[in-house]
């Protein structure tokens, strides 16, 4: 996909809003604009009905009930509400440990740090294998009756690894702990129609699934509602879990995006994207580019994800040289400006230098074969130029 003159290979940072989604949202911005909490007139009733129908669609998408859908501003807020809300309400109990994978999103890790520093919880980071898979045997050893919560994302946002959510849920149930799953990256990678049957709390974000920015959900098992401390207080909307006026157009947009991903063609689209990703990787090989892939095998990763290490180069130098022709990223867009190497890549055993030479390319619904071929040409050409620049380690070694 091109945005004017730029090839877009950063779908895991944000997907474009699908035209069908945009069309369904349009009337709710200007024509049916009433507050869904205005209970005294028909326009408010219609807006409330649209929110209810949106919740029902999203619930069906993930295997939950409509009353278990709590709309948030995105997955970051949903993650915070899940962890901070549950742990603060349970602060006086005997379960004082929280287990979290070492490659979680920063919003999960930061919330855990707050719980440790301000509420005295013991946070334990679960190790992962070299390909990014959670070490289930370690989880089984650590899971005990003093564990309150286990938090593991369904699909990683940097290396695309797909975790065994059902097995993790079984371990959590055995020790009586709750299971929170950040599933923001999952809708475009796997079928999540039964995820709510395994996880107690699930975070989603619309702009990772061809919906609008600014809207997400926390799916909260209905019998847990009274065990969550709100982050936002006010009018008591959404069963007192998240006060504030619900943004009707955004809810409609997220539901429309979920509906598109429920279509029978969803798996075929994932296969098409996987084939384009493989074409991209093969194109780099055919162009003589030297690289290594970070993360799991193709069948165990997000179909649009490939995280590539270019030894001897700086990822920031490569991405800078590719501007304005190609958009990709060094990792999570939510850590922009952070100088440290990716905690995900470090957790799978990469050195600081290897992590600094890695780029995440992510493809999506609107990527074409022409986009892929053009991207390969740009990358190969820019690497050749960078290779010849004075001070490049590889060029220097070759001359010696």
Foldseek 3Di string as FASTA:
>chain_A
DDDVQAQEQALLQFNAADPVLVVLLVCCVPPLPDFCPPPPDDSVVVLVVLLLVLLCLVCQQQVHHSLQKDKFQFQLVLLLQVLVFQCVLCLPDQQQEEEEALQDDVSNVVSVVCCCVPRVGHYHYFFAALQGETPVVVVLVPQALSHAEYEYEQFGSFQFFGYPQQSSLVSCVVRVYAYEYEDQQPLLFDRNSHVVVRHQWYKYGQRSQSFDHRMIIIRHHVVCLVSTHAPDADDCPSVNRYDDGDSSSRSSSSSVSSVVSPDPCSVVLLVVLLVLQVVLVVLLVVLVQDWDWGHDDCVRGGSFKTKIFRPQDFCVQLQVQCPPNYDWALTHPVCPPPPFFNSSNVSSPDDRRRSRRMIMGGDHNPDDSVSSNVVSVSSSVSVVVVLPDPPRPVVVVVVD
